[in-house]
Amino acid sequence: MKKGFTLIEIVGVIIVLGIIALIAILAINRTMGQNREDLYAFQIKSIEEGAKNYATRYANLMPTSEGDTFPINLGALKEGGFVKPDIENPLTRNPFPDCLQVIIRRRNGQLEYTVSENTIDC
């Protein structure tokens, strides 16, 4: 009597391994995508923090009336050392453009910082 596997058994094992590999790849891709989105949010927060530090240093330039805004671009934040010069957009794997704007707005007596999303690809 010969010992070994039949062709059907080998094909079955290959199919099962393929299904397991597909499930693992999908899970890894989903996790990596979520990690990129989380890192993107962190990078945006880092830019906002740089703008806050800028606003602290240059308080005399900040809006004083309710609803007034003060735009500043990322290039100025980089030049002033408020943001790392090589800050990267993890979604595109390219540096954020220097023309990306942070809008500093006076609202309810406080300064509010918002990265203007429509300038990310300027």
PDB file of N, CA and C in Angstrom:
ATOM      1  N   MET A   1       0.830  -1.163   0.000  1.00  0.00           N
ATOM      2  CA  MET A   1       0.000   0.000   0.000  1.00  0.00           C
ATOM      3  C   MET A   1       0.891   1.248   0.000  1.00  0.00           C
ATOM      4  N   LYS A   2       0.610   2.207  -0.925  1.00  0.00           N
ATOM      5  CA  LYS A   2       1.382   3.434  -1.021  1.00  0.00           C
ATOM      6  C   LYS A   2       0.835   4.474  -0.044  1.00  0.00           C
ATOM      7  N   LYS A   3       1.781   5.200   0.568  1.00  0.00           N
ATOM      8  CA  LYS A   3       1.381   6.272   1.465  1.00  0.00           C
ATOM      9  C   LYS A   3       1.588   7.595   0.743  1.00  0.00           C
ATOM     10  N   GLY A   4       0.701   8.544   0.987  1.00  0.00           N
ATOM     11  CA  GLY A   4       0.810   9.870   0.354  1.00  0.00           C
ATOM     12  C   GLY A   4      -0.542  10.543   0.324  1.00  0.00           C
ATOM     13  N   PHE A   5      -0.559  11.674  -0.332  1.00  0.00           N
ATOM     14  CA  PHE A   5      -1.791  12.441  -0.448  1.00  0.00           C
ATOM     15  C   PHE A   5      -2.324  12.327  -1.862  1.00  0.00           C
ATOM     16  N   THR A   6      -3.613  12.375  -1.954  1.00  0.00           N
ATOM     17  CA  THR A   6      -4.227  12.378  -3.283  1.00  0.00           C
ATOM     18  C   THR A   6      -4.241  13.813  -3.801  1.00  0.00           C
ATOM     19  N   LEU A   7      -4.457  13.951  -5.076  1.00  0.00           N
ATOM     20  CA  LEU A   7      -4.511  15.265  -5.707  1.00  0.00           C
ATOM     21  C   LEU A   7      -5.639  16.101  -5.100  1.00  0.00           C
ATOM     22  N   ILE A   8      -6.764  15.495  -4.815  1.00  0.00           N
ATOM     23  CA  ILE A   8      -7.909  16.211  -4.235  1.00  0.00           C
ATOM     24  C   ILE A   8      -7.560  16.728  -2.843  1.00  0.00           C
ATOM     25  N   GLU A   9      -6.849  15.975  -2.044  1.00  0.00           N
ATOM     26  CA  GLU A   9      -6.449  16.419  -0.712  1.00  0.00           C
ATOM     27  C   GLU A   9      -5.497  17.613  -0.803  1.00  0.00           C
ATOM     28  N   ILE A  10      -4.560  17.555  -1.713  1.00  0.00           N
ATOM     29  CA  ILE A  10      -3.605  18.651  -1.878  1.00  0.00           C
ATOM     30  C   ILE A  10      -4.326  19.925  -2.341  1.00  0.00           C
ATOM     31  N   VAL A  11      -5.224  19.781  -3.301  1.00  0.00           N
ATOM     32  CA  VAL A  11      -5.992  20.927  -3.784  1.00  0.00           C
ATOM     33  C   VAL A  11      -6.846  21.494  -2.655  1.00  0.00           C
ATOM     34  N   GLY A  12      -7.437  20.650  -1.859  1.00  0.00           N
ATOM     35  CA  GLY A  12      -8.245  21.099  -0.726  1.00  0.00           C
ATOM     36  C   GLY A  12      -7.427  21.901   0.268  1.00  0.00           C
ATOM     37  N   VAL A  13      -6.235  21.416   0.578  1.00  0.00           N
ATOM     38  CA  VAL A  13      -5.354  22.130   1.502  1.00  0.00           C
ATOM     39  C   VAL A  13      -4.947  23.483   0.917  1.00  0.00           C
ATOM     40  N   ILE A  14      -4.633  23.520  -0.364  1.00  0.00           N
ATOM     41  CA  ILE A  14      -4.253  24.779  -1.015  1.00  0.00           C
ATOM     42  C   ILE A  14      -5.407  25.773  -0.969  1.00  0.00           C
ATOM     43  N   ILE A  15      -6.629  25.304  -1.196  1.00  0.00           N
ATOM     44  CA  ILE A  15      -7.803  26.184  -1.150  1.00  0.00           C
ATOM     45  C   ILE A  15      -8.006  26.732   0.260  1.00  0.00           C
ATOM     46  N   VAL A  16      -7.896  25.882   1.260  1.00  0.00           N
ATOM     47  CA  VAL A  16      -8.053  26.328   2.647  1.00  0.00           C
ATOM     48  C   VAL A  16      -6.973  27.345   3.008  1.00  0.00           C
ATOM     49  N   LEU A  17      -5.727  27.078   2.638  1.00  0.00           N
ATOM     50  CA  LEU A  17      -4.647  28.034   2.907  1.00  0.00           C
ATOM     51  C   LEU A  17      -4.880  29.349   2.167  1.00  0.00           C
ATOM     52  N   GLY A  18      -5.395  29.283   0.960  1.00  0.00           N
ATOM     53  CA  GLY A  18      -5.704  30.495   0.201  1.00  0.00           C
ATOM     54  C   GLY A  18      -6.777  31.328   0.881  1.00  0.00           C
ATOM     55  N   ILE A  19      -7.799  30.692   1.396  1.00  0.00           N
ATOM     56  CA  ILE A  19      -8.865  31.404   2.098  1.00  0.00           C
ATOM     57  C   ILE A  19      -8.320  32.059   3.364  1.00  0.00           C
ATOM     58  N   ILE A  20      -7.502  31.327   4.111  1.00  0.00           N
ATOM     59  CA  ILE A  20      -6.902  31.883   5.328  1.00  0.00           C
ATOM     60  C   ILE A  20      -6.012  33.079   4.978  1.00  0.00           C
ATOM     61  N   ALA A  21      -5.224  32.944   3.914  1.00  0.00           N
ATOM     62  CA  ALA A  21      -4.347  34.044   3.501  1.00  0.00           C
ATOM     63  C   ALA A  21      -5.167  35.260   3.073  1.00  0.00           C
ATOM     64  N   LEU A  22      -6.259  35.054   2.360  1.00  0.00           N
ATOM     65  CA  LEU A  22      -7.112  36.153   1.926  1.00  0.00           C
ATOM     66  C   LEU A  22      -7.708  36.891   3.119  1.00  0.00           C
ATOM     67  N   ILE A  23      -8.195  36.155   4.086  1.00  0.00           N
ATOM     68  CA  ILE A  23      -8.760  36.767   5.297  1.00  0.00           C
ATOM     69  C   ILE A  23      -7.682  37.562   6.035  1.00  0.00           C
ATOM     70  N   ALA A  24      -6.490  36.999   6.139  1.00  0.00           N
ATOM     71  CA  ALA A  24      -5.395  37.693   6.832  1.00  0.00           C
ATOM     72  C   ALA A  24      -5.000  38.967   6.088  1.00  0.00           C
ATOM     73  N   ILE A  25      -4.907  38.917   4.772  1.00  0.00           N
ATOM     74  CA  ILE A  25      -4.528  40.091   3.985  1.00  0.00           C
ATOM     75  C   ILE A  25      -5.573  41.195   4.134  1.00  0.00           C
ATOM     76  N   LEU A  26      -6.851  40.833   4.073  1.00  0.00           N
ATOM     77  CA  LEU A  26      -7.914  41.828   4.235  1.00  0.00           C
ATOM     78  C   LEU A  26      -7.858  42.482   5.619  1.00  0.00           C
ATOM     79  N   ALA A  27      -7.620  41.682   6.639  1.00  0.00           N
ATOM     80  CA  ALA A  27      -7.532  42.222   7.998  1.00  0.00           C
ATOM     81  C   ALA A  27      -6.322  43.146   8.141  1.00  0.00           C
ATOM     82  N   ILE A  28      -5.212  42.768   7.564  1.00  0.00           N
ATOM     83  CA  ILE A  28      -3.998  43.589   7.628  1.00  0.00           C
ATOM     84  C   ILE A  28      -4.217  44.901   6.882  1.00  0.00           C
ATOM     85  N   ASN A  29      -4.814  44.843   5.699  1.00  0.00           N
ATOM     86  CA  ASN A  29      -5.082  46.060   4.927  1.00  0.00           C
ATOM     87  C   ASN A  29      -6.017  47.002   5.686  1.00  0.00           C
ATOM     88  N   ARG A  30      -7.040  46.449   6.304  1.00  0.00           N
ATOM     89  CA  ARG A  30      -7.981  47.263   7.075  1.00  0.00           C
ATOM     90  C   ARG A  30      -7.260  47.926   8.246  1.00  0.00           C
ATOM     91  N   THR A  31      -6.428  47.178   8.940  1.00  0.00           N
ATOM     92  CA  THR A  31      -5.678  47.707  10.079  1.00  0.00           C
ATOM     93  C   THR A  31      -4.694  48.787   9.631  1.00  0.00           C
ATOM     94  N   MET A  32      -4.005  48.535   8.533  1.00  0.00           N
ATOM     95  CA  MET A  32      -3.054  49.526   8.029  1.00  0.00           C
ATOM     96  C   MET A  32      -3.775  50.803   7.601  1.00  0.00           C
ATOM     97  N   GLY A  33      -4.924  50.660   6.964  1.00  0.00           N
ATOM     98  CA  GLY A  33      -5.703  51.832   6.565  1.00  0.00           C
ATOM     99  C   GLY A  33      -6.152  52.632   7.768  1.00  0.00           C
ATOM    100  N   GLN A  34      -6.611  51.948   8.796  1.00  0.00           N
ATOM    101  CA  GLN A  34      -7.041  52.629  10.021  1.00  0.00           C
ATOM    102  C   GLN A  34      -5.864  53.315  10.698  1.00  0.00           C
ATOM    103  N   ASN A  35      -4.709  52.649  10.688  1.00  0.00           N
ATOM    104  CA  ASN A  35      -3.514  53.249  11.285  1.00  0.00           C
ATOM    105  C   ASN A  35      -3.098  54.510  10.533  1.00  0.00           C
ATOM    106  N   ARG A  36      -3.203  54.494   9.184  1.00  0.00           N
ATOM    107  CA  ARG A  36      -2.878  55.684   8.395  1.00  0.00           C
ATOM    108  C   ARG A  36      -3.843  56.825   8.722  1.00  0.00           C
ATOM    109  N   GLU A  37      -5.132  56.500   8.870  1.00  0.00           N
ATOM    110  CA  GLU A  37      -6.116  57.526   9.218  1.00  0.00           C
ATOM    111  C   GLU A  37      -5.849  58.090  10.614  1.00  0.00           C
ATOM    112  N   ASP A  38      -5.482  57.224  11.547  1.00  0.00           N
ATOM    113  CA  ASP A  38      -5.160  57.679  12.905  1.00  0.00           C
ATOM    114  C   ASP A  38      -3.917  58.572  12.890  1.00  0.00           C
ATOM    115  N   LEU A  39      -2.910  58.181  12.113  1.00  0.00           N
ATOM    116  CA  LEU A  39      -1.697  58.986  12.015  1.00  0.00           C
ATOM    117  C   LEU A  39      -1.996  60.312  11.329  1.00  0.00           C
ATOM    118  N   TYR A  40      -2.881  60.304  10.333  1.00  0.00           N
ATOM    119  CA  TYR A  40      -3.285  61.544   9.674  1.00  0.00           C
ATOM    120  C   TYR A  40      -3.913  62.501  10.701  1.00  0.00           C
ATOM    121  N   ALA A  41      -4.822  61.986  11.511  1.00  0.00           N
ATOM    122  CA  ALA A  41      -5.465  62.804  12.539  1.00  0.00           C
ATOM    123  C   ALA A  41      -4.412  63.349  13.517  1.00  0.00           C
ATOM    124  N   PHE A  42      -3.436  62.531  13.855  1.00  0.00           N
ATOM    125  CA  PHE A  42      -2.362  62.963  14.752  1.00  0.00           C
ATOM    126  C   PHE A  42      -1.534  64.074  14.104  1.00  0.00           C
ATOM    127  N   GLN A  43      -1.234  63.928  12.815  1.00  0.00           N
ATOM    128  CA  GLN A  43      -0.443  64.943  12.114  1.00  0.00           C
ATOM    129  C   GLN A  43      -1.209  66.269  12.038  1.00  0.00           C
ATOM    130  N   ILE A  44      -2.518  66.190  11.791  1.00  0.00           N
ATOM    131  CA  ILE A  44      -3.346  67.400  11.756  1.00  0.00           C
ATOM    132  C   ILE A  44      -3.326  68.067  13.137  1.00  0.00           C
ATOM    133  N   LYS A  45      -3.450  67.274  14.184  1.00  0.00           N
ATOM    134  CA  LYS A  45      -3.382  67.820  15.550  1.00  0.00           C
ATOM    135  C   LYS A  45      -2.010  68.460  15.813  1.00  0.00           C
ATOM    136  N   SER A  46      -0.973  67.864  15.279  1.00  0.00           N
ATOM    137  CA  SER A  46       0.373  68.415  15.435  1.00  0.00           C
ATOM    138  C   SER A  46       0.480  69.774  14.754  1.00  0.00           C
ATOM    139  N   ILE A  47      -0.129  69.899  13.583  1.00  0.00           N
ATOM    140  CA  ILE A  47      -0.136  71.187  12.881  1.00  0.00           C
ATOM    141  C   ILE A  47      -0.929  72.208  13.689  1.00  0.00           C
ATOM    142  N   GLU A  48      -2.069  71.790  14.233  1.00  0.00           N
ATOM    143  CA  GLU A  48      -2.878  72.691  15.067  1.00  0.00           C
ATOM    144  C   GLU A  48      -2.094  73.121  16.310  1.00  0.00           C
ATOM    145  N   GLU A  49      -1.369  72.201  16.917  1.00  0.00           N
ATOM    146  CA  GLU A  49      -0.549  72.545  18.090  1.00  0.00           C
ATOM    147  C   GLU A  49       0.534  73.552  17.710  1.00  0.00           C
ATOM    148  N   GLY A  50       1.122  73.383  16.531  1.00  0.00           N
ATOM    149  CA  GLY A  50       2.102  74.357  16.065  1.00  0.00           C
ATOM    150  C   GLY A  50       1.483  75.738  15.915  1.00  0.00           C
ATOM    151  N   ALA A  51       0.248  75.765  15.406  1.00  0.00           N
ATOM    152  CA  ALA A  51      -0.463  77.045  15.264  1.00  0.00           C
ATOM    153  C   ALA A  51      -0.759  77.650  16.637  1.00  0.00           C
ATOM    154  N   LYS A  52      -1.086  76.813  17.612  1.00  0.00           N
ATOM    155  CA  LYS A  52      -1.321  77.318  18.977  1.00  0.00           C
ATOM    156  C   LYS A  52      -0.045  77.942  19.541  1.00  0.00           C
ATOM    157  N   ASN A  53       1.072  77.281  19.324  1.00  0.00           N
ATOM    158  CA  ASN A  53       2.343  77.832  19.797  1.00  0.00           C
ATOM    159  C   ASN A  53       2.670  79.134  19.079  1.00  0.00           C
ATOM    160  N   TYR A  54       2.367  79.196  17.791  1.00  0.00           N
ATOM    161  CA  TYR A  54       2.557  80.429  17.021  1.00  0.00           C
ATOM    162  C   TYR A  54       1.688  81.535  17.615  1.00  0.00           C
ATOM    163  N   ALA A  55       0.417  81.215  17.887  1.00  0.00           N
ATOM    164  CA  ALA A  55      -0.517  82.200  18.443  1.00  0.00           C
ATOM    165  C   ALA A  55      -0.050  82.697  19.806  1.00  0.00           C
ATOM    166  N   THR A  56       0.543  81.831  20.590  1.00  0.00           N
ATOM    167  CA  THR A  56       1.071  82.241  21.901  1.00  0.00           C
ATOM    168  C   THR A  56       2.223  83.218  21.726  1.00  0.00           C
ATOM    169  N   ARG A  57       3.110  82.907  20.803  1.00  0.00           N
ATOM    170  CA  ARG A  57       4.264  83.779  20.592  1.00  0.00           C
ATOM    171  C   ARG A  57       3.854  85.114  19.962  1.00  0.00           C
ATOM    172  N   TYR A  58       2.902  85.077  19.047  1.00  0.00           N
ATOM    173  CA  TYR A  58       2.486  86.296  18.338  1.00  0.00           C
ATOM    174  C   TYR A  58       1.049  86.666  18.711  1.00  0.00           C
ATOM    175  N   ALA A  59       0.774  86.748  19.985  1.00  0.00           N
ATOM    176  CA  ALA A  59      -0.575  87.030  20.481  1.00  0.00           C
ATOM    177  C   ALA A  59      -1.115  88.360  19.963  1.00  0.00           C
ATOM    178  N   ASN A  60      -0.241  89.298  19.704  1.00  0.00           N
ATOM    179  CA  ASN A  60      -0.685  90.607  19.218  1.00  0.00           C
ATOM    180  C   ASN A  60      -1.276  90.548  17.808  1.00  0.00           C
ATOM    181  N   LEU A  61      -1.000  89.481  17.061  1.00  0.00           N
ATOM    182  CA  LEU A  61      -1.543  89.326  15.704  1.00  0.00           C
ATOM    183  C   LEU A  61      -2.879  88.581  15.684  1.00  0.00           C
ATOM    184  N   MET A  62      -3.230  87.977  16.792  1.00  0.00           N
ATOM    185  CA  MET A  62      -4.410  87.111  16.819  1.00  0.00           C
ATOM    186  C   MET A  62      -5.699  87.930  16.836  1.00  0.00           C
ATOM    187  N   PRO A  63      -6.787  87.322  16.305  1.00  0.00           N
ATOM    188  CA  PRO A  63      -8.074  88.017  16.271  1.00  0.00           C
ATOM    189  C   PRO A  63      -8.558  88.357  17.675  1.00  0.00           C
ATOM    190  N   THR A  64      -9.142  89.544  17.799  1.00  0.00           N
ATOM    191  CA  THR A  64      -9.647  89.973  19.100  1.00  0.00           C
ATOM    192  C   THR A  64     -11.162  90.059  19.130  1.00  0.00           C
ATOM    193  N   SER A  65     -11.789  90.180  17.960  1.00  0.00           N
ATOM    194  CA  SER A  65     -13.250  90.284  17.891  1.00  0.00           C
ATOM    195  C   SER A  65     -13.866  88.940  17.543  1.00  0.00           C
ATOM    196  N   GLU A  66     -15.037  88.712  18.073  1.00  0.00           N
ATOM    197  CA  GLU A  66     -15.766  87.463  17.840  1.00  0.00           C
ATOM    198  C   GLU A  66     -15.947  87.224  16.336  1.00  0.00           C
ATOM    199  N   GLY A  67     -15.566  86.036  15.877  1.00  0.00           N
ATOM    200  CA  GLY A  67     -15.733  85.654  14.485  1.00  0.00           C
ATOM    201  C   GLY A  67     -14.588  86.034  13.577  1.00  0.00           C
ATOM    202  N   ASP A  68     -13.682  86.878  14.031  1.00  0.00           N
ATOM    203  CA  ASP A  68     -12.531  87.254  13.207  1.00  0.00           C
ATOM    204  C   ASP A  68     -11.600  86.058  13.046  1.00  0.00           C
ATOM    205  N   THR A  69     -10.880  86.042  11.921  1.00  0.00           N
ATOM    206  CA  THR A  69      -9.970  84.933  11.644  1.00  0.00           C
ATOM    207  C   THR A  69      -8.573  85.453  11.326  1.00  0.00           C
ATOM    208  N   PHE A  70      -7.616  84.568  11.492  1.00  0.00           N
ATOM    209  CA  PHE A  70      -6.231  84.834  11.125  1.00  0.00           C
ATOM    210  C   PHE A  70      -5.719  83.568  10.459  1.00  0.00           C
ATOM    211  N   PRO A  71      -5.507  83.583   9.136  1.00  0.00           N
ATOM    212  CA  PRO A  71      -4.980  82.392   8.476  1.00  0.00           C
ATOM    213  C   PRO A  71      -3.447  82.385   8.524  1.00  0.00           C
ATOM    214  N   ILE A  72      -2.904  81.213   8.698  1.00  0.00           N
ATOM    215  CA  ILE A  72      -1.452  81.054   8.618  1.00  0.00           C
ATOM    216  C   ILE A  72      -1.176  79.779   7.847  1.00  0.00           C
ATOM    217  N   ASN A  73      -0.168  79.808   7.002  1.00  0.00           N
ATOM    218  CA  ASN A  73       0.109  78.600   6.215  1.00  0.00           C
ATOM    219  C   ASN A  73       1.187  77.748   6.883  1.00  0.00           C
ATOM    220  N   LEU A  74       1.210  76.513   6.472  1.00  0.00           N
ATOM    221  CA  LEU A  74       2.130  75.541   7.063  1.00  0.00           C
ATOM    222  C   LEU A  74       3.583  75.941   6.844  1.00  0.00           C
ATOM    223  N   GLY A  75       3.870  76.554   5.698  1.00  0.00           N
ATOM    224  CA  GLY A  75       5.239  76.983   5.422  1.00  0.00           C
ATOM    225  C   GLY A  75       5.760  77.938   6.483  1.00  0.00           C
ATOM    226  N   ALA A  76       4.907  78.864   6.914  1.00  0.00           N
ATOM    227  CA  ALA A  76       5.315  79.815   7.961  1.00  0.00           C
ATOM    228  C   ALA A  76       5.525  79.095   9.292  1.00  0.00           C
ATOM    229  N   LEU A  77       4.685  78.111   9.577  1.00  0.00           N
ATOM    230  CA  LEU A  77       4.853  77.349  10.818  1.00  0.00           C
ATOM    231  C   LEU A  77       6.151  76.548  10.788  1.00  0.00           C
ATOM    232  N   LYS A  78       6.482  76.004   9.614  1.00  0.00           N
ATOM    233  CA  LYS A  78       7.741  75.262   9.474  1.00  0.00           C
ATOM    234  C   LYS A  78       8.932  76.197   9.653  1.00  0.00           C
ATOM    235  N   GLU A  79       8.898  77.345   8.976  1.00  0.00           N
ATOM    236  CA  GLU A  79      10.011  78.304   9.049  1.00  0.00           C
ATOM    237  C   GLU A  79      10.241  78.789  10.476  1.00  0.00           C
ATOM    238  N   GLY A  80       9.158  78.965  11.213  1.00  0.00           N
ATOM    239  CA  GLY A  80       9.279  79.433  12.590  1.00  0.00           C
ATOM    240  C   GLY A  80       9.640  78.338  13.577  1.00  0.00           C
ATOM    241  N   GLY A  81       9.720  77.101  13.110  1.00  0.00           N
ATOM    242  CA  GLY A  81      10.067  75.992  13.990  1.00  0.00           C
ATOM    243  C   GLY A  81       8.907  75.490  14.839  1.00  0.00           C
ATOM    244  N   PHE A  82       7.678  75.831  14.438  1.00  0.00           N
ATOM    245  CA  PHE A  82       6.505  75.409  15.199  1.00  0.00           C
ATOM    246  C   PHE A  82       6.019  74.019  14.777  1.00  0.00           C
ATOM    247  N   VAL A  83       6.433  73.589  13.593  1.00  0.00           N
ATOM    248  CA  VAL A  83       6.062  72.279  13.046  1.00  0.00           C
ATOM    249  C   VAL A  83       7.316  71.676  12.417  1.00  0.00           C
ATOM    250  N   LYS A  84       7.446  70.358  12.511  1.00  0.00           N
ATOM    251  CA  LYS A  84       8.591  69.692  11.889  1.00  0.00           C
ATOM    252  C   LYS A  84       8.610  69.990  10.393  1.00  0.00           C
ATOM    253  N   PRO A  85       9.771  70.272   9.824  1.00  0.00           N
ATOM    254  CA  PRO A  85       9.825  70.613   8.404  1.00  0.00           C
ATOM    255  C   PRO A  85       9.485  69.449   7.472  1.00  0.00           C
ATOM    256  N   ASP A  86       9.576  68.236   7.957  1.00  0.00           N
ATOM    257  CA  ASP A  86       9.321  67.073   7.097  1.00  0.00           C
ATOM    258  C   ASP A  86       7.991  66.396   7.420  1.00  0.00           C
ATOM    259  N   ILE A  87       7.033  67.139   7.970  1.00  0.00           N
ATOM    260  CA  ILE A  87       5.748  66.544   8.344  1.00  0.00           C
ATOM    261  C   ILE A  87       5.072  65.989   7.092  1.00  0.00           C
ATOM    262  N   GLU A  88       4.611  64.759   7.203  1.00  0.00           N
ATOM    263  CA  GLU A  88       4.118  64.018   6.035  1.00  0.00           C
ATOM    264  C   GLU A  88       2.654  63.640   6.205  1.00  0.00           C
ATOM    265  N   ASN A  89       1.941  63.661   5.095  1.00  0.00           N
ATOM    266  CA  ASN A  89       0.562  63.194   5.055  1.00  0.00           C
ATOM    267  C   ASN A  89       0.596  61.678   4.881  1.00  0.00           C
ATOM    268  N   PRO A  90       0.224  60.910   5.895  1.00  0.00           N
ATOM    269  CA  PRO A  90       0.321  59.451   5.789  1.00  0.00           C
ATOM    270  C   PRO A  90      -0.674  58.850   4.789  1.00  0.00           C
ATOM    271  N   LEU A  91      -1.703  59.595   4.425  1.00  0.00           N
ATOM    272  CA  LEU A  91      -2.668  59.070   3.453  1.00  0.00           C
ATOM    273  C   LEU A  91      -2.099  59.082   2.039  1.00  0.00           C
ATOM    274  N   THR A  92      -1.256  60.079   1.739  1.00  0.00           N
ATOM    275  CA  THR A  92      -0.657  60.176   0.406  1.00  0.00           C
ATOM    276  C   THR A  92       0.822  59.806   0.409  1.00  0.00           C
ATOM    277  N   ARG A  93       1.396  59.724   1.591  1.00  0.00           N
ATOM    278  CA  ARG A  93       2.829  59.458   1.783  1.00  0.00           C
ATOM    279  C   ARG A  93       3.697  60.545   1.157  1.00  0.00           C
ATOM    280  N   ASN A  94       3.143  61.751   1.060  1.00  0.00           N
ATOM    281  CA  ASN A  94       3.862  62.920   0.569  1.00  0.00           C
ATOM    282  C   ASN A  94       3.851  63.974   1.669  1.00  0.00           C
ATOM    283  N   PRO A  95       4.814  64.895   1.614  1.00  0.00           N
ATOM    284  CA  PRO A  95       4.790  65.975   2.606  1.00  0.00           C
ATOM    285  C   PRO A  95       3.521  66.815   2.448  1.00  0.00           C
ATOM    286  N   PHE A  96       3.035  67.342   3.565  1.00  0.00           N
ATOM    287  CA  PHE A  96       1.940  68.302   3.482  1.00  0.00           C
ATOM    288  C   PHE A  96       2.471  69.522   2.735  1.00  0.00           C
ATOM    289  N   PRO A  97       1.679  70.135   1.864  1.00  0.00           N
ATOM    290  CA  PRO A  97       2.161  71.309   1.130  1.00  0.00           C
ATOM    291  C   PRO A  97       2.302  72.523   2.054  1.00  0.00           C
ATOM    292  N   ASP A  98       3.277  73.348   1.759  1.00  0.00           N
ATOM    293  CA  ASP A  98       3.512  74.544   2.570  1.00  0.00           C
ATOM    294  C   ASP A  98       2.340  75.511   2.512  1.00  0.00           C
ATOM    295  N   CYS A  99       1.502  75.419   1.473  1.00  0.00           N
ATOM    296  CA  CYS A  99       0.370  76.340   1.344  1.00  0.00           C
ATOM    297  C   CYS A  99      -0.845  75.889   2.154  1.00  0.00           C
ATOM    298  N   LEU A 100      -0.764  74.745   2.818  1.00  0.00           N
ATOM    299  CA  LEU A 100      -1.861  74.296   3.676  1.00  0.00           C
ATOM    300  C   LEU A 100      -2.112  75.362   4.732  1.00  0.00           C
ATOM    301  N   GLN A 101      -3.367  75.733   4.930  1.00  0.00           N
ATOM    302  CA  GLN A 101      -3.669  76.808   5.864  1.00  0.00           C
ATOM    303  C   GLN A 101      -4.286  76.300   7.160  1.00  0.00           C
ATOM    304  N   VAL A 102      -3.929  76.993   8.222  1.00  0.00           N
ATOM    305  CA  VAL A 102      -4.584  76.817   9.514  1.00  0.00           C
ATOM    306  C   VAL A 102      -5.342  78.111   9.768  1.00  0.00           C
ATOM    307  N   ILE A 103      -6.625  77.990  10.023  1.00  0.00           N
ATOM    308  CA  ILE A 103      -7.456  79.149  10.303  1.00  0.00           C
ATOM    309  C   ILE A 103      -7.580  79.288  11.825  1.00  0.00           C
ATOM    310  N   ILE A 104      -7.158  80.421  12.330  1.00  0.00           N
ATOM    311  CA  ILE A 104      -7.291  80.719  13.750  1.00  0.00           C
ATOM    312  C   ILE A 104      -8.477  81.671  13.879  1.00  0.00           C
ATOM    313  N   ARG A 105      -9.493  81.245  14.613  1.00  0.00           N
ATOM    314  CA  ARG A 105     -10.747  82.013  14.710  1.00  0.00           C
ATOM    315  C   ARG A 105     -11.068  82.283  16.181  1.00  0.00           C
ATOM    316  N   ARG A 106     -11.538  83.489  16.431  1.00  0.00           N
ATOM    317  CA  ARG A 106     -12.000  83.850  17.771  1.00  0.00           C
ATOM    318  C   ARG A 106     -13.462  83.434  17.867  1.00  0.00           C
ATOM    319  N   ARG A 107     -13.762  82.522  18.792  1.00  0.00           N
ATOM    320  CA  ARG A 107     -15.131  82.044  18.987  1.00  0.00           C
ATOM    321  C   ARG A 107     -15.371  81.848  20.473  1.00  0.00           C
ATOM    322  N   ASN A 108     -16.449  82.431  20.965  1.00  0.00           N
ATOM    323  CA  ASN A 108     -16.814  82.339  22.386  1.00  0.00           C
ATOM    324  C   ASN A 108     -15.659  82.769  23.297  1.00  0.00           C
ATOM    325  N   GLY A 109     -14.942  83.792  22.853  1.00  0.00           N
ATOM    326  CA  GLY A 109     -13.854  84.323  23.660  1.00  0.00           C
ATOM    327  C   GLY A 109     -12.574  83.514  23.624  1.00  0.00           C
ATOM    328  N   GLN A 110     -12.566  82.433  22.867  1.00  0.00           N
ATOM    329  CA  GLN A 110     -11.390  81.554  22.785  1.00  0.00           C
ATOM    330  C   GLN A 110     -10.894  81.497  21.342  1.00  0.00           C
ATOM    331  N   LEU A 111      -9.631  81.164  21.179  1.00  0.00           N
ATOM    332  CA  LEU A 111      -9.111  80.934  19.837  1.00  0.00           C
ATOM    333  C   LEU A 111      -9.362  79.489  19.455  1.00  0.00           C
ATOM    334  N   GLU A 112      -9.824  79.301  18.242  1.00  0.00           N
ATOM    335  CA  GLU A 112     -10.117  77.967  17.702  1.00  0.00           C
ATOM    336  C   GLU A 112      -9.198  77.748  16.507  1.00  0.00           C
ATOM    337  N   TYR A 113      -8.651  76.556  16.380  1.00  0.00           N
ATOM    338  CA  TYR A 113      -7.673  76.252  15.337  1.00  0.00           C
ATOM    339  C   TYR A 113      -8.228  75.158  14.433  1.00  0.00           C
ATOM    340  N   THR A 114      -8.256  75.443  13.130  1.00  0.00           N
ATOM    341  CA  THR A 114      -8.784  74.478  12.172  1.00  0.00           C
ATOM    342  C   THR A 114      -7.869  74.407  10.963  1.00  0.00           C
ATOM    343  N   VAL A 115      -7.431  73.207  10.634  1.00  0.00           N
ATOM    344  CA  VAL A 115      -6.670  73.016   9.401  1.00  0.00           C
ATOM    345  C   VAL A 115      -7.684  73.024   8.267  1.00  0.00           C
ATOM    346  N   SER A 116      -7.466  73.913   7.314  1.00  0.00           N
ATOM    347  CA  SER A 116      -8.390  74.055   6.199  1.00  0.00           C
ATOM    348  C   SER A 116      -8.206  72.890   5.238  1.00  0.00           C
ATOM    349  N   GLU A 117      -9.130  71.960   5.270  1.00  0.00           N
ATOM    350  CA  GLU A 117      -9.028  70.736   4.472  1.00  0.00           C
ATOM    351  C   GLU A 117      -8.972  71.008   2.971  1.00  0.00           C
ATOM    352  N   ASN A 118      -9.593  72.096   2.504  1.00  0.00           N
ATOM    353  CA  ASN A 118      -9.623  72.324   1.065  1.00  0.00           C
ATOM    354  C   ASN A 118      -8.294  72.840   0.537  1.00  0.00           C
ATOM    355  N   THR A 119      -7.305  73.078   1.394  1.00  0.00           N
ATOM    356  CA  THR A 119      -6.003  73.515   0.908  1.00  0.00           C
ATOM    357  C   THR A 119      -4.962  72.410   0.991  1.00  0.00           C
ATOM    358  N   ILE A 120      -5.367  71.214   1.375  1.00  0.00           N
ATOM    359  CA  ILE A 120      -4.381  70.137   1.552  1.00  0.00           C
ATOM    360  C   ILE A 120      -3.725  69.782   0.226  1.00  0.00           C
ATOM    361  N   ASP A 121      -4.455  69.872  -0.886  1.00  0.00           N
ATOM    362  CA  ASP A 121      -3.886  69.540  -2.196  1.00  0.00           C
ATOM    363  C   ASP A 121      -3.602  70.776  -3.024  1.00  0.00           C
ATOM    364  N   CYS A 122      -3.332  71.909  -2.394  1.00  0.00           N
ATOM    365  CA  CYS A 122      -3.125  73.158  -3.140  1.00  0.00           C
ATOM    366  C   CYS A 122      -1.851  73.127  -3.951  1.00  0.00           C
TER     367      CYS A 122
END
